[in-house]
N, C-alpha and C. Protein backbone atom coordinates (compact mmCIF):
# COMPACT_ATOMS: atom_id res chain seq x y z
N MET A 1 100.18 -104.26 93.94
CA MET A 1 99.81 -105.40 94.75
C MET A 1 99.72 -104.98 96.21
N LEU A 2 98.58 -105.21 96.78
CA LEU A 2 98.30 -104.78 98.14
C LEU A 2 99.23 -105.44 99.16
N TYR A 3 99.57 -106.70 98.94
CA TYR A 3 100.42 -107.37 99.92
C TYR A 3 101.80 -106.72 100.02
N LYS A 4 102.28 -106.12 98.94
CA LYS A 4 103.58 -105.43 98.98
C LYS A 4 103.53 -104.25 99.95
N GLU A 5 102.43 -103.49 99.91
CA GLU A 5 102.31 -102.36 100.85
C GLU A 5 102.24 -102.87 102.29
N PHE A 6 101.54 -103.98 102.50
CA PHE A 6 101.48 -104.56 103.83
C PHE A 6 102.90 -104.90 104.33
N LEU A 7 103.69 -105.52 103.47
CA LEU A 7 105.06 -105.89 103.85
C LEU A 7 105.91 -104.65 104.10
N GLU A 8 105.81 -103.66 103.23
CA GLU A 8 106.58 -102.42 103.40
C GLU A 8 106.22 -101.71 104.69
N GLN A 9 104.93 -101.58 104.97
CA GLN A 9 104.49 -100.91 106.19
C GLN A 9 104.88 -101.69 107.44
N SER A 10 104.79 -103.00 107.38
CA SER A 10 105.17 -103.83 108.53
C SER A 10 106.66 -103.69 108.81
N ALA A 11 107.48 -103.77 107.78
CA ALA A 11 108.93 -103.62 107.95
C ALA A 11 109.25 -102.23 108.49
N TYR A 12 108.58 -101.22 107.98
CA TYR A 12 108.79 -99.85 108.44
C TYR A 12 108.43 -99.71 109.92
N ARG A 13 107.28 -100.24 110.32
CA ARG A 13 106.83 -100.15 111.72
C ARG A 13 107.80 -100.88 112.65
N LEU A 14 108.29 -102.04 112.22
CA LEU A 14 109.29 -102.75 113.03
C LEU A 14 110.55 -101.90 113.18
N SER A 15 110.96 -101.28 112.11
CA SER A 15 112.19 -100.48 112.11
C SER A 15 112.11 -99.27 113.02
N LEU A 16 110.92 -98.77 113.31
CA LEU A 16 110.76 -97.60 114.19
C LEU A 16 111.14 -97.90 115.64
N ASN A 17 110.99 -99.14 116.05
CA ASN A 17 111.16 -99.47 117.47
C ASN A 17 112.61 -99.52 117.92
N TYR A 18 113.51 -100.05 117.10
CA TYR A 18 114.90 -100.17 117.54
C TYR A 18 115.49 -98.81 117.96
N PRO A 19 115.37 -97.74 117.15
CA PRO A 19 115.96 -96.46 117.58
C PRO A 19 115.37 -95.95 118.89
N ARG A 20 114.11 -96.24 119.15
CA ARG A 20 113.49 -95.82 120.40
C ARG A 20 114.09 -96.59 121.59
N ILE A 21 114.25 -97.89 121.39
CA ILE A 21 114.86 -98.70 122.45
C ILE A 21 116.30 -98.26 122.67
N LYS A 22 117.02 -97.98 121.60
CA LYS A 22 118.41 -97.53 121.71
C LYS A 22 118.49 -96.22 122.48
N THR A 23 117.63 -95.27 122.17
CA THR A 23 117.59 -94.00 122.89
C THR A 23 117.43 -94.24 124.38
N CYS A 24 116.52 -95.13 124.73
CA CYS A 24 116.28 -95.43 126.15
C CYS A 24 117.49 -96.09 126.79
N ILE A 25 117.99 -97.13 126.17
CA ILE A 25 119.11 -97.86 126.76
C ILE A 25 120.35 -96.98 126.89
N ASP A 26 120.55 -96.08 125.95
CA ASP A 26 121.69 -95.16 126.02
C ASP A 26 121.62 -94.23 127.23
N MET A 27 120.43 -94.06 127.80
CA MET A 27 120.25 -93.20 128.97
C MET A 27 120.54 -93.95 130.29
N LEU A 28 120.66 -95.27 130.23
CA LEU A 28 120.68 -96.08 131.44
C LEU A 28 122.06 -96.64 131.76
N SER A 29 122.29 -96.85 133.04
CA SER A 29 123.48 -97.59 133.47
C SER A 29 123.15 -99.08 133.35
N ASP A 30 124.18 -99.91 133.43
CA ASP A 30 123.94 -101.36 133.39
C ASP A 30 123.11 -101.81 134.59
N ILE A 31 123.25 -101.16 135.71
CA ILE A 31 122.43 -101.50 136.88
C ILE A 31 120.97 -101.17 136.61
N GLU A 32 120.70 -99.99 136.07
CA GLU A 32 119.31 -99.60 135.76
C GLU A 32 118.70 -100.51 134.69
N LEU A 33 119.53 -100.96 133.76
CA LEU A 33 119.08 -101.83 132.68
C LEU A 33 118.46 -103.12 133.21
N TRP A 34 119.00 -103.62 134.31
CA TRP A 34 118.54 -104.89 134.88
C TRP A 34 117.67 -104.71 136.13
N GLN A 35 117.36 -103.45 136.46
CA GLN A 35 116.53 -103.16 137.64
C GLN A 35 115.07 -103.50 137.34
N ARG A 36 114.44 -104.23 138.26
CA ARG A 36 113.02 -104.57 138.13
C ARG A 36 112.23 -103.66 139.07
N PRO A 37 111.13 -103.09 138.59
CA PRO A 37 110.32 -102.22 139.45
C PRO A 37 109.77 -102.96 140.67
N ASN A 38 109.48 -104.25 140.51
CA ASN A 38 109.00 -105.10 141.59
C ASN A 38 109.17 -106.56 141.14
N VAL A 39 108.87 -107.52 142.01
CA VAL A 39 109.11 -108.92 141.68
C VAL A 39 108.20 -109.45 140.58
N SER A 40 107.10 -108.77 140.33
CA SER A 40 106.15 -109.21 139.29
C SER A 40 106.44 -108.60 137.93
N SER A 41 107.44 -107.74 137.86
CA SER A 41 107.74 -107.02 136.61
C SER A 41 109.10 -107.41 136.07
N ASN A 42 109.32 -107.09 134.82
CA ASN A 42 110.58 -107.38 134.15
C ASN A 42 111.45 -106.13 134.05
N SER A 43 112.73 -106.36 133.95
CA SER A 43 113.67 -105.26 133.70
C SER A 43 113.67 -104.96 132.20
N ILE A 44 114.27 -103.85 131.85
CA ILE A 44 114.43 -103.51 130.43
C ILE A 44 115.29 -104.56 129.75
N GLY A 45 116.31 -105.05 130.43
CA GLY A 45 117.13 -106.13 129.88
C GLY A 45 116.30 -107.36 129.55
N ASN A 46 115.40 -107.75 130.47
CA ASN A 46 114.52 -108.89 130.22
C ASN A 46 113.62 -108.64 129.02
N LEU A 47 113.10 -107.42 128.91
CA LEU A 47 112.20 -107.10 127.79
C LEU A 47 112.92 -107.18 126.45
N VAL A 48 114.17 -106.72 126.41
CA VAL A 48 114.94 -106.81 125.16
C VAL A 48 115.21 -108.26 124.82
N LEU A 49 115.61 -109.07 125.79
CA LEU A 49 115.83 -110.50 125.52
C LEU A 49 114.54 -111.16 125.04
N HIS A 50 113.43 -110.81 125.67
CA HIS A 50 112.13 -111.37 125.29
C HIS A 50 111.75 -110.97 123.87
N LEU A 51 111.95 -109.72 123.51
CA LEU A 51 111.66 -109.29 122.14
C LEU A 51 112.51 -110.04 121.14
N CYS A 52 113.79 -110.19 121.43
CA CYS A 52 114.68 -110.92 120.53
C CYS A 52 114.22 -112.37 120.38
N GLY A 53 113.83 -112.99 121.49
CA GLY A 53 113.35 -114.37 121.43
C GLY A 53 112.08 -114.51 120.63
N ASN A 54 111.14 -113.63 120.87
CA ASN A 54 109.85 -113.66 120.17
C ASN A 54 110.03 -113.43 118.67
N MET A 55 110.77 -112.40 118.32
CA MET A 55 110.96 -112.07 116.90
C MET A 55 111.73 -113.17 116.18
N THR A 56 112.69 -113.76 116.88
CA THR A 56 113.45 -114.85 116.28
C THR A 56 112.56 -116.07 116.05
N GLN A 57 111.75 -116.41 117.04
CA GLN A 57 110.90 -117.59 116.91
C GLN A 57 109.85 -117.41 115.82
N TYR A 58 109.21 -116.26 115.79
CA TYR A 58 108.10 -116.05 114.87
C TYR A 58 108.56 -115.71 113.44
N ILE A 59 109.49 -114.80 113.31
CA ILE A 59 109.87 -114.35 111.96
C ILE A 59 111.08 -115.13 111.44
N ILE A 60 112.18 -115.10 112.18
CA ILE A 60 113.42 -115.70 111.68
C ILE A 60 113.28 -117.21 111.57
N SER A 61 112.65 -117.84 112.56
CA SER A 61 112.49 -119.29 112.53
C SER A 61 111.33 -119.70 111.61
N ALA A 62 110.13 -119.23 111.91
CA ALA A 62 108.96 -119.70 111.15
C ALA A 62 108.97 -119.19 109.70
N LEU A 63 108.97 -117.88 109.53
CA LEU A 63 108.90 -117.33 108.17
C LEU A 63 110.22 -117.48 107.42
N GLY A 64 111.33 -117.41 108.14
CA GLY A 64 112.64 -117.52 107.51
C GLY A 64 113.14 -118.94 107.38
N LYS A 65 112.34 -119.88 107.91
CA LYS A 65 112.66 -121.30 107.82
C LYS A 65 114.01 -121.67 108.47
N ASN A 66 114.22 -121.17 109.67
CA ASN A 66 115.41 -121.48 110.46
C ASN A 66 114.99 -122.27 111.70
N ALA A 67 115.95 -122.92 112.33
CA ALA A 67 115.67 -123.72 113.53
C ALA A 67 115.10 -122.84 114.64
N ASP A 68 114.23 -123.42 115.44
CA ASP A 68 113.66 -122.74 116.60
C ASP A 68 114.42 -123.21 117.84
N ASN A 69 115.32 -122.37 118.33
CA ASN A 69 116.14 -122.69 119.49
C ASN A 69 115.80 -121.82 120.69
N ARG A 70 114.61 -121.28 120.72
CA ARG A 70 114.24 -120.34 121.76
C ARG A 70 114.13 -121.00 123.13
N ASN A 71 114.66 -120.32 124.15
CA ASN A 71 114.48 -120.71 125.55
C ASN A 71 113.77 -119.54 126.23
N ARG A 72 112.46 -119.51 126.12
CA ARG A 72 111.65 -118.37 126.58
C ARG A 72 111.85 -118.08 128.07
N ASP A 73 111.91 -119.12 128.88
CA ASP A 73 112.04 -118.90 130.33
C ASP A 73 113.30 -118.13 130.69
N SER A 74 114.39 -118.36 129.95
CA SER A 74 115.65 -117.67 130.25
C SER A 74 115.56 -116.17 129.96
N GLU A 75 114.66 -115.77 129.07
CA GLU A 75 114.48 -114.34 128.76
C GLU A 75 114.01 -113.58 130.01
N PHE A 76 113.21 -114.24 130.82
CA PHE A 76 112.62 -113.60 131.99
C PHE A 76 113.41 -113.85 133.28
N SER A 77 114.17 -114.92 133.31
CA SER A 77 114.91 -115.23 134.54
C SER A 77 116.25 -114.50 134.62
N ALA A 78 116.74 -113.99 133.51
CA ALA A 78 118.04 -113.29 133.52
C ALA A 78 117.98 -112.07 134.43
N LYS A 79 119.04 -111.88 135.19
CA LYS A 79 119.14 -110.71 136.06
C LYS A 79 120.36 -109.89 135.70
N GLU A 80 121.14 -110.39 134.76
CA GLU A 80 122.34 -109.74 134.24
C GLU A 80 122.86 -110.62 133.10
N GLY A 81 124.08 -110.35 132.67
CA GLY A 81 124.68 -111.21 131.67
C GLY A 81 124.94 -110.54 130.34
N TYR A 82 124.29 -109.42 130.11
CA TYR A 82 124.50 -108.65 128.89
C TYR A 82 124.70 -107.19 129.28
N THR A 83 125.65 -106.55 128.63
CA THR A 83 125.80 -105.11 128.79
C THR A 83 124.79 -104.42 127.89
N ALA A 84 124.67 -103.13 128.05
CA ALA A 84 123.78 -102.34 127.18
C ALA A 84 124.21 -102.51 125.73
N ALA A 85 125.50 -102.41 125.47
CA ALA A 85 126.00 -102.53 124.09
C ALA A 85 125.68 -103.90 123.50
N GLU A 86 125.81 -104.95 124.29
CA GLU A 86 125.51 -106.30 123.80
C GLU A 86 124.02 -106.47 123.51
N LEU A 87 123.18 -105.94 124.39
CA LEU A 87 121.74 -106.03 124.15
C LEU A 87 121.34 -105.26 122.90
N LEU A 88 121.90 -104.07 122.73
CA LEU A 88 121.59 -103.28 121.54
C LEU A 88 122.06 -103.97 120.27
N GLU A 89 123.22 -104.57 120.31
CA GLU A 89 123.73 -105.30 119.14
C GLU A 89 122.80 -106.47 118.79
N LYS A 90 122.38 -107.19 119.81
CA LYS A 90 121.46 -108.32 119.62
C LYS A 90 120.13 -107.84 119.04
N MET A 91 119.58 -106.78 119.62
CA MET A 91 118.29 -106.24 119.16
C MET A 91 118.38 -105.75 117.71
N LYS A 92 119.46 -105.06 117.38
CA LYS A 92 119.65 -104.55 116.02
C LYS A 92 119.76 -105.69 115.02
N HIS A 93 120.54 -106.71 115.38
CA HIS A 93 120.73 -107.86 114.50
C HIS A 93 119.39 -108.56 114.24
N VAL A 94 118.62 -108.81 115.29
CA VAL A 94 117.33 -109.49 115.15
C VAL A 94 116.36 -108.63 114.34
N THR A 95 116.29 -107.34 114.65
CA THR A 95 115.38 -106.45 113.92
C THR A 95 115.74 -106.41 112.44
N ASP A 96 117.02 -106.22 112.14
CA ASP A 96 117.45 -106.16 110.74
C ASP A 96 117.14 -107.46 110.00
N ASN A 97 117.35 -108.61 110.65
CA ASN A 97 117.04 -109.88 110.01
C ASN A 97 115.54 -110.04 109.77
N CYS A 98 114.74 -109.62 110.73
CA CYS A 98 113.28 -109.70 110.55
C CYS A 98 112.82 -108.83 109.40
N VAL A 99 113.32 -107.62 109.32
CA VAL A 99 112.95 -106.70 108.23
C VAL A 99 113.36 -107.31 106.89
N LYS A 100 114.53 -107.89 106.82
CA LYS A 100 115.01 -108.52 105.58
C LYS A 100 114.09 -109.66 105.16
N ILE A 101 113.74 -110.52 106.11
CA ILE A 101 112.86 -111.65 105.81
C ILE A 101 111.49 -111.15 105.36
N ILE A 102 110.93 -110.19 106.06
CA ILE A 102 109.62 -109.65 105.68
C ILE A 102 109.66 -109.08 104.27
N ASN A 103 110.69 -108.34 103.95
CA ASN A 103 110.80 -107.72 102.63
C ASN A 103 110.95 -108.73 101.50
N GLU A 104 111.34 -109.95 101.81
CA GLU A 104 111.54 -110.98 100.79
C GLU A 104 110.37 -111.94 100.64
N LEU A 105 109.33 -111.78 101.46
CA LEU A 105 108.19 -112.70 101.40
C LEU A 105 107.35 -112.44 100.15
N ASN A 106 106.71 -113.51 99.68
CA ASN A 106 105.77 -113.37 98.57
C ASN A 106 104.36 -113.65 99.08
N GLU A 107 103.40 -113.48 98.21
CA GLU A 107 102.00 -113.61 98.61
C GLU A 107 101.69 -115.03 99.12
N GLU A 108 102.26 -116.02 98.50
CA GLU A 108 102.03 -117.40 98.93
C GLU A 108 102.54 -117.63 100.35
N GLN A 109 103.71 -117.08 100.67
CA GLN A 109 104.26 -117.22 102.03
C GLN A 109 103.43 -116.47 103.06
N LEU A 110 102.85 -115.36 102.65
CA LEU A 110 102.00 -114.58 103.56
C LEU A 110 100.72 -115.32 103.93
N THR A 111 100.18 -116.07 102.99
CA THR A 111 98.90 -116.74 103.23
C THR A 111 99.07 -118.18 103.71
N ALA A 112 100.29 -118.71 103.67
CA ALA A 112 100.55 -120.06 104.16
C ALA A 112 100.42 -120.10 105.68
N ASN A 113 100.16 -121.28 106.21
CA ASN A 113 100.07 -121.47 107.66
C ASN A 113 101.38 -122.03 108.20
N TYR A 114 101.70 -121.59 109.43
CA TYR A 114 102.92 -121.99 110.11
C TYR A 114 102.56 -122.40 111.53
N GLU A 115 103.31 -123.35 112.08
CA GLU A 115 103.15 -123.75 113.48
C GLU A 115 104.19 -122.98 114.28
N VAL A 116 103.73 -122.10 115.17
CA VAL A 116 104.63 -121.28 115.97
C VAL A 116 104.16 -121.27 117.42
N GLN A 117 105.02 -121.66 118.31
CA GLN A 117 104.75 -121.60 119.75
C GLN A 117 103.43 -122.28 120.11
N GLY A 118 103.11 -123.36 119.38
CA GLY A 118 101.89 -124.11 119.65
C GLY A 118 100.66 -123.58 118.93
N TYR A 119 100.81 -122.52 118.13
CA TYR A 119 99.69 -121.93 117.40
C TYR A 119 99.86 -122.17 115.90
N THR A 120 98.75 -122.27 115.20
CA THR A 120 98.76 -122.29 113.74
C THR A 120 98.40 -120.88 113.28
N MET A 121 99.31 -120.26 112.54
CA MET A 121 99.12 -118.86 112.13
C MET A 121 99.55 -118.68 110.69
N SER A 122 98.87 -117.78 110.00
CA SER A 122 99.30 -117.42 108.64
C SER A 122 100.51 -116.49 108.74
N GLY A 123 101.19 -116.31 107.63
CA GLY A 123 102.30 -115.37 107.59
C GLY A 123 101.84 -113.97 107.96
N ILE A 124 100.66 -113.59 107.50
CA ILE A 124 100.10 -112.27 107.84
C ILE A 124 99.90 -112.15 109.35
N ALA A 125 99.32 -113.18 109.96
CA ALA A 125 99.07 -113.15 111.40
C ALA A 125 100.39 -113.07 112.18
N ILE A 126 101.41 -113.76 111.71
CA ILE A 126 102.72 -113.71 112.38
C ILE A 126 103.28 -112.30 112.34
N ILE A 127 103.22 -111.67 111.19
CA ILE A 127 103.76 -110.31 111.05
C ILE A 127 102.98 -109.32 111.91
N ILE A 128 101.67 -109.44 111.93
CA ILE A 128 100.85 -108.56 112.77
C ILE A 128 101.21 -108.79 114.24
N HIS A 129 101.32 -110.05 114.65
CA HIS A 129 101.66 -110.35 116.04
C HIS A 129 103.00 -109.73 116.42
N VAL A 130 104.03 -109.94 115.61
CA VAL A 130 105.37 -109.45 115.95
C VAL A 130 105.40 -107.92 115.96
N THR A 131 104.73 -107.29 115.00
CA THR A 131 104.71 -105.83 114.94
C THR A 131 104.04 -105.26 116.19
N GLU A 132 102.91 -105.83 116.57
CA GLU A 132 102.18 -105.38 117.76
C GLU A 132 102.99 -105.66 119.02
N HIS A 133 103.55 -106.83 119.11
CA HIS A 133 104.31 -107.25 120.28
C HIS A 133 105.55 -106.38 120.49
N TYR A 134 106.25 -106.08 119.41
CA TYR A 134 107.45 -105.23 119.46
C TYR A 134 107.07 -103.82 119.93
N SER A 135 106.00 -103.29 119.40
CA SER A 135 105.55 -101.95 119.80
C SER A 135 105.10 -101.92 121.26
N TYR A 136 104.40 -102.94 121.67
CA TYR A 136 103.90 -103.03 123.05
C TYR A 136 105.05 -102.98 124.04
N HIS A 137 106.05 -103.81 123.83
CA HIS A 137 107.17 -103.86 124.77
C HIS A 137 108.09 -102.65 124.61
N THR A 138 108.16 -102.06 123.42
CA THR A 138 108.91 -100.81 123.27
C THR A 138 108.28 -99.74 124.16
N GLY A 139 106.96 -99.68 124.19
CA GLY A 139 106.26 -98.74 125.06
C GLY A 139 106.59 -98.98 126.52
N GLN A 140 106.69 -100.24 126.93
CA GLN A 140 107.06 -100.54 128.31
C GLN A 140 108.49 -100.06 128.61
N ILE A 141 109.39 -100.27 127.66
CA ILE A 141 110.78 -99.84 127.84
C ILE A 141 110.84 -98.32 127.96
N VAL A 142 110.08 -97.62 127.13
CA VAL A 142 110.04 -96.15 127.19
C VAL A 142 109.49 -95.70 128.54
N PHE A 143 108.39 -96.31 128.98
CA PHE A 143 107.80 -95.95 130.26
C PHE A 143 108.78 -96.18 131.42
N LEU A 144 109.43 -97.34 131.43
CA LEU A 144 110.38 -97.63 132.50
C LEU A 144 111.55 -96.64 132.48
N THR A 145 112.03 -96.30 131.29
CA THR A 145 113.13 -95.34 131.19
C THR A 145 112.71 -93.97 131.70
N LYS A 146 111.53 -93.52 131.30
CA LYS A 146 111.04 -92.22 131.78
C LYS A 146 110.85 -92.23 133.29
N SER A 147 110.41 -93.36 133.82
CA SER A 147 110.22 -93.47 135.27
C SER A 147 111.55 -93.42 136.01
N LEU A 148 112.55 -94.08 135.45
CA LEU A 148 113.88 -94.09 136.09
C LEU A 148 114.60 -92.76 135.96
N LYS A 149 114.45 -92.11 134.83
CA LYS A 149 115.25 -90.93 134.51
C LYS A 149 114.51 -89.60 134.61
N ASP A 150 113.18 -89.65 134.73
CA ASP A 150 112.38 -88.42 134.78
C ASP A 150 112.78 -87.45 133.66
N THR A 151 112.75 -87.98 132.43
CA THR A 151 113.15 -87.18 131.27
C THR A 151 112.30 -87.52 130.06
N ASP A 152 112.23 -86.59 129.15
CA ASP A 152 111.55 -86.81 127.87
C ASP A 152 112.53 -87.52 126.93
N THR A 153 112.05 -88.45 126.17
CA THR A 153 112.91 -89.18 125.23
C THR A 153 113.18 -88.39 123.96
N GLY A 154 112.37 -87.38 123.68
CA GLY A 154 112.60 -86.53 122.51
C GLY A 154 112.25 -87.17 121.18
N PHE A 155 111.45 -88.22 121.20
CA PHE A 155 111.12 -88.91 119.96
C PHE A 155 110.43 -88.00 118.94
N TYR A 156 109.66 -87.05 119.43
CA TYR A 156 108.89 -86.19 118.52
C TYR A 156 109.37 -84.75 118.54
N LYS A 157 110.59 -84.55 118.99
CA LYS A 157 111.17 -83.21 119.04
C LYS A 157 111.16 -82.58 117.64
N GLY A 158 110.65 -81.36 117.57
CA GLY A 158 110.61 -80.64 116.30
C GLY A 158 109.43 -81.00 115.41
N LYS A 159 108.57 -81.88 115.87
CA LYS A 159 107.39 -82.25 115.07
C LYS A 159 106.15 -81.64 115.71
N ASN A 160 105.30 -81.10 114.88
CA ASN A 160 104.03 -80.54 115.35
C ASN A 160 102.98 -81.64 115.28
N LEU A 161 102.67 -82.23 116.40
CA LEU A 161 101.70 -83.32 116.44
C LEU A 161 100.27 -82.83 116.65
N ASN A 162 100.10 -81.51 116.59
CA ASN A 162 98.77 -80.93 116.74
C ASN A 162 98.13 -80.56 115.40
N ILE A 163 98.76 -80.91 114.32
CA ILE A 163 98.22 -80.63 112.98
C ILE A 163 96.95 -81.47 112.80
N LYS A 164 95.90 -80.83 112.34
CA LYS A 164 94.62 -81.50 112.14
C LYS A 164 94.59 -82.24 110.81
N ASN A 165 93.81 -83.30 110.75
CA ASN A 165 93.62 -84.05 109.51
C ASN A 165 92.89 -83.18 108.49
N LYS A 166 93.19 -83.41 107.24
CA LYS A 166 92.50 -82.67 106.16
C LYS A 166 91.35 -83.46 105.61
C-alpha cells in the first residue's frame, strides 16, 4: 500500500530534524539560545517554541484529535523562559508524539479534511506541511548556530556525499 510508504517516509523525515536541532542547541549557551540576530528575526529558542506549536496544532491536535491550545504569538514574543534542556525535552516530546500519530494513521484519515489554523487541509497536506515546515526551521537553526559558533555541525561526517547516482 503506497500510503504506508508515505507515512513511513514522513515519520522518518520528521525524526531526522530533532537530532540536528539537539546538536545545535548543545553547542549554545542559554544566552546564545535566546539571542536574536536583529529585531526582525527570531532566536533559536523562538524557533523551537514555534516548531512545537505548529507540530502540536497540525498533527497532535488535528490528526491526533486533541484540543488546540496553541498561543502562536507567545512563541515569537518569548525572550527567555526555557533552558536548553527544557526546550530539547519539549521538542523531543512533540516530535515523538507526531511520529507516533503519523505511524497510526490509516488511508481514510489521510484523505479526510481537517480545519487547521483557518485552513481546510487533508491529512496528507498536513503531513507535508509539517514535514516541510520542520525542515525549513531546522535549517534556520543550523544556520544561526554556525553563524554564532563558526563551526561545522558534523551531520555528514564520514559520509561520501560525492557518490554519483547509478
